[in-house]
Amino acid sequence: MNSNEIKKLDSEKIVATYGRYDLVADSGKGAICRSVDGKEYIDFTAGIGVNCLGFCDDGWVEAVTAQLKKLQHVSNLYYTEPQVKVASMLTERTGMKKVFFGNSGAEANEAAIKTARKYGSVNKGIEKNRIITLNNSFHGRTMATITATGQEGYHKFFTPFLDGFDYCDANDIDQLKELVSDDTCAIMMEMIQGEGGVLNLDAGFVKAVESICAEKDILFIADEVQTGIGRTGKLFAYEYFGVKPDIVTFAKGIGGGLPIGGALFSEKCCDVLEPGNHGTTYGGNPVACAGAVEVLTRIDDAFLEDVTKKGEYLREKLLDIPQVKSVSGMGLMLGAEIEGKEAGQVVKDALEMGLMILTAKDRVRMLPPLTITYDELDAGLEILKKALA
């Protein structure tokens, strides 16, 4: 089919939950995406932070293809080697104790929410189930995670929403202390608010959260769905803040392009969930886990150092553009505050010129593949300059 035929069928047959941009993707390699019409695009999106090794990385393709030829699925009623390999790699590198596998970031955060509520109920009393999240946060689109999301725009149409969430302004320690009560079982937050505008949390605030949680026996949940798996130049962004969460949720980049997410649990709460408490048919799928093994194998210290250097390079080049007022984020998760043009229009104009980028509120957001080359960064930046001008 050509692009017009695909777009026509899409409008007729697929529920319009996304406002699509005018690109019908057909193939890709590294940081280059090709449309069905043969046009090439430089990718600064990585599938919203998913394709951490870029399109169709040779090692990743080989790993998932080899597993696909052996066993594509068997369910979590049985053991598989790829699943325990990923779990071992994650726990050894983080010092956490155990992993729950799901299929997405929202599922990962659902697991964290359920764990926190059971922890509160069992250890402190049945009514000890309230969770504090941050205003301007984003934690997913399921009923629990849109309620956890601290943005009014998501709290429409789908009432009644799940009870038991309180919202604190980011970096407001005094407000946080006022919100914490005897009924609080967890505090949940992103180290960088991705969908909220790529906004970094203050180190002092993050440390205060850790201290409050330890003092009051509250679980500290770090949502690393977008910031994790090397995106910021560390395996997880919480490492920059010198803290140790009780639960770390992850997804996006770990599968390298296949659906996989999960939650890492510390010793404090690693045995809260028991058989029958939670589950997932596809979570920890052997093919997705084979991709995750390849991703984690590749993301070593040298790889992370390279991500940091590329992030610094991209930040410096962005700040040289007259229309860019400031740049937030870490590593290769950056948000550019711009003037003179709406971020959504910049994305559309850049796409016409051959660059795929994203928005985050009023900022232009960049999440390129972690393997992107400097030449590709430069070429993308040249297009962005033209789009901003």
Protein backbone atom coordinates (compact mmCIF):
# COMPACT_ATOMS: atom_id res chain seq x y z
CA MET A 1 0.00 0.00 0.00
CA ASN A 2 1.08 3.58 -0.55
CA SER A 3 0.96 6.22 2.17
CA ASN A 4 -2.46 7.58 1.20
CA GLU A 5 -4.02 4.12 1.24
CA ILE A 6 -2.53 3.38 4.68
CA LYS A 7 -3.71 6.70 6.12
CA LYS A 8 -7.21 6.19 4.71
CA LEU A 9 -7.53 2.73 6.27
CA ASP A 10 -6.14 4.07 9.55
CA SER A 11 -8.85 6.75 9.72
CA GLU A 12 -11.55 4.19 8.93
CA LYS A 13 -10.43 1.23 11.01
CA ILE A 14 -8.35 2.41 13.99
CA VAL A 15 -9.68 4.25 17.05
CA ALA A 16 -8.28 7.77 16.97
CA THR A 17 -6.58 7.82 20.37
CA TYR A 18 -3.52 9.48 18.80
CA GLY A 19 -3.19 12.58 16.68
CA ARG A 20 -0.72 11.19 14.18
CA TYR A 21 1.96 13.19 12.39
CA ASP A 22 2.26 12.93 8.62
CA LEU A 23 4.74 10.06 8.41
CA VAL A 24 3.98 6.49 7.36
CA ALA A 25 7.01 4.59 8.62
CA ASP A 26 8.21 1.59 6.63
CA SER A 27 11.77 0.70 7.66
CA GLY A 28 14.74 1.98 9.57
CA LYS A 29 18.35 1.45 10.55
CA GLY A 30 20.10 3.09 13.46
CA ALA A 31 18.81 6.65 13.79
CA ILE A 32 17.37 6.77 10.26
CA CYS A 33 13.71 6.05 9.56
CA ARG A 34 12.31 5.60 6.03
CA SER A 35 8.74 6.21 4.97
CA VAL A 36 6.78 4.07 2.53
CA ASP A 37 7.35 6.88 0.03
CA GLY A 38 11.13 6.50 0.38
CA LYS A 39 11.86 9.69 2.33
CA GLU A 40 14.51 9.48 5.07
CA TYR A 41 14.17 11.03 8.53
CA ILE A 42 16.65 11.53 11.35
CA ASP A 43 15.07 10.12 14.50
CA PHE A 44 15.25 12.18 17.69
CA THR A 45 12.36 10.22 19.26
CA ALA A 46 13.47 6.56 19.52
CA GLY A 47 9.79 5.57 19.56
CA ILE A 48 9.32 7.81 22.64
CA GLY A 49 12.44 6.46 24.31
CA VAL A 50 11.94 2.81 23.35
CA ASN A 51 14.43 2.11 20.54
CA CYS A 52 17.49 2.70 22.69
CA LEU A 53 19.79 0.91 20.21
CA GLY A 54 18.08 2.50 17.22
CA PHE A 55 16.16 0.78 14.45
CA CYS A 56 16.99 -2.86 13.70
CA ASP A 57 20.33 -3.03 15.52
CA ASP A 58 22.17 -6.10 14.24
CA GLY A 59 22.98 -7.60 17.65
CA TRP A 60 19.48 -7.03 18.95
CA VAL A 61 17.85 -8.51 15.83
CA GLU A 62 20.08 -11.57 16.12
CA ALA A 63 19.24 -12.04 19.81
CA VAL A 64 15.47 -11.81 19.44
CA THR A 65 15.45 -13.86 16.24
CA ALA A 66 17.42 -16.67 17.88
CA GLN A 67 14.94 -16.76 20.78
CA LEU A 68 11.96 -16.53 18.43
CA LYS A 69 13.16 -19.70 16.71
CA LYS A 70 13.31 -21.52 20.05
CA LEU A 71 10.25 -20.41 22.07
CA GLN A 72 8.03 -17.37 21.57
CA HIS A 73 5.79 -17.76 24.65
CA VAL A 74 4.98 -20.24 27.38
CA SER A 75 3.28 -18.17 30.18
CA ASN A 76 4.42 -17.44 33.70
CA LEU A 77 3.21 -20.79 34.96
CA TYR A 78 6.63 -22.08 33.88
CA TYR A 79 10.28 -21.02 34.11
CA THR A 80 12.32 -19.58 31.22
CA GLU A 81 16.01 -18.73 31.02
CA PRO A 82 15.70 -15.29 29.31
CA GLN A 83 13.48 -14.03 32.13
CA VAL A 84 15.85 -15.00 34.94
CA LYS A 85 18.79 -13.62 32.96
CA VAL A 86 17.19 -10.17 32.78
CA ALA A 87 16.22 -10.32 36.45
CA SER A 88 19.77 -11.29 37.46
CA MET A 89 21.33 -8.52 35.37
CA LEU A 90 19.01 -5.87 36.81
CA THR A 91 19.35 -6.91 40.45
CA GLU A 92 23.12 -7.31 40.27
CA ARG A 93 23.56 -3.85 38.78
CA THR A 94 21.18 -2.06 41.15
CA GLY A 95 21.46 -3.95 44.42
CA MET A 96 17.70 -4.51 44.40
CA LYS A 97 16.41 -7.96 45.35
CA LYS A 98 13.69 -9.10 42.96
CA VAL A 99 11.83 -8.14 39.76
CA PHE A 100 8.23 -8.29 38.57
CA PHE A 101 7.83 -8.28 34.78
CA GLY A 102 4.93 -6.74 32.87
CA ASN A 103 4.51 -5.31 29.39
CA SER A 104 4.52 -1.52 29.74
CA GLY A 105 5.26 1.42 31.99
CA ALA A 106 1.65 1.69 33.09
CA GLU A 107 1.66 -1.98 34.10
CA ALA A 108 4.93 -1.48 35.96
CA ASN A 109 3.42 1.40 37.91
CA GLU A 110 0.24 -0.59 38.60
CA ALA A 111 2.41 -3.29 40.16
CA ALA A 112 4.15 -0.67 42.29
CA ILE A 113 0.83 0.82 43.43
CA LYS A 114 -0.61 -2.56 44.37
CA THR A 115 2.57 -3.50 46.22
CA ALA A 116 2.56 -0.24 48.17
CA ARG A 117 -1.07 -0.65 49.19
CA LYS A 118 -0.60 -4.23 50.31
CA TYR A 119 2.54 -3.22 52.21
CA GLY A 120 0.61 -0.49 54.04
CA SER A 121 -2.35 -2.73 54.76
CA VAL A 122 -0.31 -5.65 56.08
CA ASN A 123 2.27 -3.68 58.05
CA LYS A 124 0.31 -0.65 59.26
CA GLY A 125 -3.42 -1.32 58.92
CA ILE A 126 -6.05 -1.79 56.24
CA GLU A 127 -6.70 1.95 55.83
CA LYS A 128 -2.99 2.80 55.37
CA ASN A 129 -3.23 3.01 51.60
CA ARG A 130 -2.71 6.59 50.45
CA ILE A 131 -0.02 7.40 47.91
CA ILE A 132 1.53 10.82 47.33
CA THR A 133 2.53 11.74 43.77
CA LEU A 134 3.67 15.04 42.27
CA ASN A 135 1.71 17.66 40.41
CA ASN A 136 2.70 17.70 36.72
CA SER A 137 3.69 14.03 36.87
CA PHE A 138 2.77 11.28 34.43
CA HIS A 139 2.51 7.62 35.40
CA GLY A 140 0.34 6.01 32.70
CA ARG A 141 -3.17 5.72 31.26
CA THR A 142 -4.80 2.90 33.21
CA MET A 143 -7.41 3.88 35.79
CA ALA A 144 -4.93 3.75 38.67
CA THR A 145 -2.05 5.41 36.84
CA ILE A 146 -4.04 8.29 35.35
CA THR A 147 -5.27 8.97 38.87
CA ALA A 148 -1.68 8.86 40.10
CA THR A 149 -0.78 11.29 37.31
CA GLY A 150 -0.80 14.78 38.77
CA GLN A 151 -2.31 16.61 35.79
CA GLU A 152 -5.93 17.80 35.75
CA GLY A 153 -6.14 17.27 32.01
CA TYR A 154 -6.12 13.52 32.56
CA HIS A 155 -8.76 13.64 35.29
CA LYS A 156 -11.75 14.02 32.98
CA PHE A 157 -14.51 11.83 31.54
CA PHE A 158 -13.61 8.54 33.25
CA THR A 159 -15.11 9.03 36.72
CA PRO A 160 -15.12 7.64 39.30
CA PHE A 161 -11.36 7.72 39.60
CA LEU A 162 -9.43 5.55 42.03
CA ASP A 163 -9.36 7.02 45.52
CA GLY A 164 -6.31 7.33 47.74
CA PHE A 165 -3.93 9.71 45.96
CA ASP A 166 -2.59 13.04 47.22
CA TYR A 167 -0.62 15.51 45.11
CA CYS A 168 2.39 17.61 46.05
CA ASP A 169 4.12 20.35 44.09
CA ALA A 170 7.51 19.22 42.85
CA ASN A 171 10.41 20.35 45.06
CA ASP A 172 8.12 21.68 47.83
CA ILE A 173 9.43 19.90 50.93
CA ASP A 174 7.14 21.77 53.34
CA GLN A 175 4.03 20.83 51.40
CA LEU A 176 5.19 17.23 51.24
CA LYS A 177 5.62 17.07 55.01
CA GLU A 178 2.08 18.43 55.46
CA LEU A 179 0.63 15.82 53.10
CA VAL A 180 2.33 12.83 54.72
CA SER A 181 -0.02 11.24 57.22
CA ASP A 182 -0.37 8.01 59.16
CA ASP A 183 -2.37 6.69 56.20
CA THR A 184 0.42 7.28 53.66
CA CYS A 185 1.91 4.05 52.31
CA ALA A 186 4.11 5.41 49.50
CA ILE A 187 5.54 8.44 47.72
CA MET A 188 5.86 7.99 43.96
CA MET A 189 7.72 10.28 41.55
CA GLU A 190 9.80 10.65 38.40
CA MET A 191 13.35 11.97 38.77
CA ILE A 192 12.69 14.00 35.61
CA GLN A 193 9.07 14.78 34.77
CA GLY A 194 9.09 13.63 31.15
CA GLU A 195 5.58 14.25 29.80
CA GLY A 196 5.34 17.19 32.20
CA GLY A 197 8.01 19.14 30.31
CA VAL A 198 11.33 17.32 30.91
CA LEU A 199 11.70 19.00 34.30
CA ASN A 200 14.41 17.84 36.73
CA LEU A 201 13.66 17.43 40.40
CA ASP A 202 15.90 19.19 42.92
CA ALA A 203 18.42 16.93 44.61
CA GLY A 204 17.48 18.26 48.06
CA PHE A 205 13.83 17.38 47.50
CA VAL A 206 14.63 13.83 46.38
CA LYS A 207 16.85 13.29 49.42
CA ALA A 208 14.08 14.65 51.67
CA VAL A 209 11.63 12.14 50.18
CA GLU A 210 14.03 9.30 50.89
CA SER A 211 14.50 10.49 54.47
CA ILE A 212 10.76 10.87 55.13
CA CYS A 213 10.05 7.44 53.71
CA ALA A 214 12.71 5.79 55.85
CA GLU A 215 11.57 7.61 59.00
CA LYS A 216 7.86 6.79 58.61
CA ASP A 217 8.10 3.34 57.01
CA ILE A 218 6.72 4.58 53.68
CA LEU A 219 7.74 3.05 50.36
CA PHE A 220 9.76 5.30 48.04
CA ILE A 221 8.76 4.55 44.43
CA ALA A 222 10.89 5.88 41.56
CA ASP A 223 9.10 5.88 38.21
CA GLU A 224 12.00 5.33 35.78
CA VAL A 225 9.87 4.32 32.79
CA GLN A 226 11.26 7.12 30.62
CA THR A 227 14.45 7.98 32.50
CA GLY A 228 15.77 4.44 32.98
CA ILE A 229 17.96 2.02 31.01
CA GLY A 230 20.75 4.46 30.17
CA ARG A 231 18.59 7.31 28.90
CA THR A 232 20.12 9.89 31.26
CA GLY A 233 23.69 8.54 31.21
CA LYS A 234 23.13 6.28 34.23
CA LEU A 235 21.35 2.93 34.22
CA PHE A 236 18.68 4.70 36.31
CA ALA A 237 18.35 8.43 36.93
CA TYR A 238 17.94 8.05 40.71
CA GLU A 239 21.68 7.25 40.81
CA TYR A 240 22.39 10.96 40.22
CA PHE A 241 20.60 11.83 43.46
CA GLY A 242 22.41 9.46 45.82
CA VAL A 243 19.21 7.72 46.93
CA LYS A 244 17.98 4.11 47.05
CA PRO A 245 14.27 3.73 46.29
CA ASP A 246 12.24 0.80 47.59
CA ILE A 247 10.62 0.24 44.18
CA VAL A 248 11.94 1.24 40.74
CA THR A 249 9.63 0.91 37.75
CA PHE A 250 11.01 0.57 34.22
CA ALA A 251 9.88 -0.07 30.64
CA LYS A 252 10.50 1.65 27.27
CA GLY A 253 14.20 1.24 26.47
CA ILE A 254 14.81 -2.09 28.18
CA GLY A 255 13.20 -4.11 25.39
CA GLY A 256 14.97 -2.24 22.61
CA GLY A 257 11.65 -2.11 20.73
CA LEU A 258 9.62 -4.98 22.15
CA PRO A 259 6.95 -4.57 24.88
CA ILE A 260 8.43 -5.20 28.32
CA GLY A 261 8.27 -3.36 31.61
CA GLY A 262 8.53 -4.16 35.26
CA ALA A 263 9.32 -3.18 38.80
CA LEU A 264 12.44 -3.74 40.86
CA PHE A 265 11.85 -4.34 44.57
CA SER A 266 14.21 -3.82 47.48
CA GLU A 267 14.54 -6.33 50.30
CA LYS A 268 12.00 -4.28 52.27
CA CYS A 269 9.13 -5.13 49.93
CA CYS A 270 10.33 -7.87 47.55
CA ASP A 271 8.05 -10.51 49.06
CA VAL A 272 4.89 -8.42 49.46
CA LEU A 273 3.25 -9.80 46.32
CA GLU A 274 2.41 -13.49 46.58
CA PRO A 275 0.90 -16.01 44.12
CA GLY A 276 -2.57 -14.79 43.23
CA ASN A 277 -1.96 -11.16 44.23
CA HIS A 278 -0.88 -10.00 40.78
CA GLY A 279 -0.04 -11.37 37.36
CA THR A 280 0.25 -10.91 33.62
CA THR A 281 -0.09 -13.27 30.68
CA TYR A 282 2.67 -11.79 28.55
CA GLY A 283 4.98 -10.25 31.15
CA GLY A 284 8.56 -11.47 30.90
CA ASN A 285 7.92 -12.95 27.46
CA PRO A 286 11.06 -14.87 26.38
CA VAL A 287 11.49 -12.97 23.10
CA ALA A 288 11.14 -9.58 24.78
CA CYS A 289 13.53 -10.73 27.51
CA ALA A 290 16.07 -11.87 24.91
CA GLY A 291 16.01 -8.31 23.56
CA ALA A 292 16.42 -6.97 27.09
CA VAL A 293 19.46 -9.19 27.71
CA GLU A 294 21.09 -7.73 24.60
CA VAL A 295 20.24 -4.18 25.67
CA LEU A 296 21.61 -4.62 29.21
CA THR A 297 24.73 -6.37 27.90
CA ARG A 298 25.47 -3.44 25.63
CA ILE A 299 24.79 -0.73 28.21
CA ASP A 300 28.05 -0.95 30.14
CA ASP A 301 30.04 1.88 31.77
CA ALA A 302 31.69 2.92 28.50
CA PHE A 303 28.30 3.03 26.77
CA LEU A 304 26.84 5.20 29.55
CA GLU A 305 29.81 7.56 29.42
CA ASP A 306 29.23 7.92 25.69
CA VAL A 307 25.56 8.77 26.31
CA THR A 308 26.61 11.44 28.81
CA LYS A 309 29.04 13.00 26.34
CA LYS A 310 26.48 13.01 23.55
CA GLY A 311 23.97 14.60 25.89
CA GLU A 312 26.40 17.35 26.82
CA TYR A 313 27.17 17.92 23.15
CA LEU A 314 23.49 18.11 22.21
CA ARG A 315 22.75 20.49 25.09
CA GLU A 316 25.59 22.86 24.08
CA LYS A 317 24.50 22.89 20.45
CA LEU A 318 20.88 23.54 21.40
CA LEU A 319 21.85 26.50 23.59
CA ASP A 320 23.66 28.02 20.61
CA ILE A 321 20.35 28.27 18.73
CA PRO A 322 18.89 31.79 19.18
CA GLN A 323 15.29 30.58 19.67
CA VAL A 324 16.26 28.18 22.49
CA LYS A 325 15.93 29.90 25.88
CA SER A 326 16.94 26.97 28.11
CA VAL A 327 17.51 23.21 28.07
CA SER A 328 16.39 20.80 30.80
CA GLY A 329 16.86 17.09 31.35
CA MET A 330 19.87 14.79 31.53
CA GLY A 331 21.85 12.68 29.08
CA LEU A 332 19.87 12.06 25.90
CA MET A 333 16.57 13.07 27.49
CA LEU A 334 16.42 16.80 26.85
CA GLY A 335 13.72 19.45 26.63
CA ALA A 336 14.28 22.77 24.88
CA GLU A 337 12.33 25.84 26.01
CA ILE A 338 11.74 27.83 22.85
CA GLU A 339 10.39 31.23 21.87
CA GLY A 340 8.78 32.59 18.73
CA LYS A 341 6.93 29.42 17.79
CA GLU A 342 4.65 26.78 19.33
CA ALA A 343 6.39 23.49 20.09
CA GLY A 344 3.77 21.50 18.18
CA GLN A 345 4.34 23.58 15.06
CA VAL A 346 8.09 23.12 15.34
CA VAL A 347 7.58 19.34 15.41
CA LYS A 348 5.40 19.45 12.28
CA ASP A 349 7.81 21.74 10.41
CA ALA A 350 10.84 19.67 11.40
CA LEU A 351 9.11 16.49 10.22
CA GLU A 352 8.51 18.00 6.79
CA MET A 353 12.23 18.79 6.62
CA GLY A 354 13.27 15.27 7.70
CA LEU A 355 13.58 15.30 11.51
CA MET A 356 11.45 13.38 14.00
CA ILE A 357 11.14 15.15 17.36
CA LEU A 358 8.58 15.33 20.19
CA THR A 359 6.80 17.80 22.43
CA ALA A 360 6.52 17.84 26.22
CA LYS A 361 4.04 20.54 27.25
CA ASP A 362 5.45 23.74 25.71
CA ARG A 363 8.93 22.32 25.13
CA VAL A 364 10.53 20.49 22.25
CA ARG A 365 11.59 17.10 23.58
CA MET A 366 14.47 15.00 22.27
CA LEU A 367 14.93 11.28 23.02
CA PRO A 368 17.26 10.07 20.24
CA PRO A 369 18.58 6.50 20.11
CA LEU A 370 21.45 6.13 22.57
CA THR A 371 23.57 4.88 19.68
CA ILE A 372 23.03 7.96 17.51
CA THR A 373 26.21 9.28 15.88
CA TYR A 374 27.55 12.82 16.16
CA ASP A 375 27.04 13.29 12.43
CA GLU A 376 23.38 12.36 12.85
CA LEU A 377 23.06 14.73 15.81
CA ASP A 378 24.55 17.54 13.73
CA ALA A 379 22.27 16.83 10.78
CA GLY A 380 19.23 16.78 13.04
CA LEU A 381 20.25 20.01 14.73
CA GLU A 382 20.57 21.75 11.36
CA ILE A 383 17.01 20.78 10.53
CA LEU A 384 15.81 21.92 13.95
CA LYS A 385 17.46 25.30 13.42
CA LYS A 386 15.57 25.74 10.16
CA ALA A 387 12.29 24.67 11.77
CA LEU A 388 12.72 27.11 14.65
CA ALA A 389 13.64 29.93 12.28
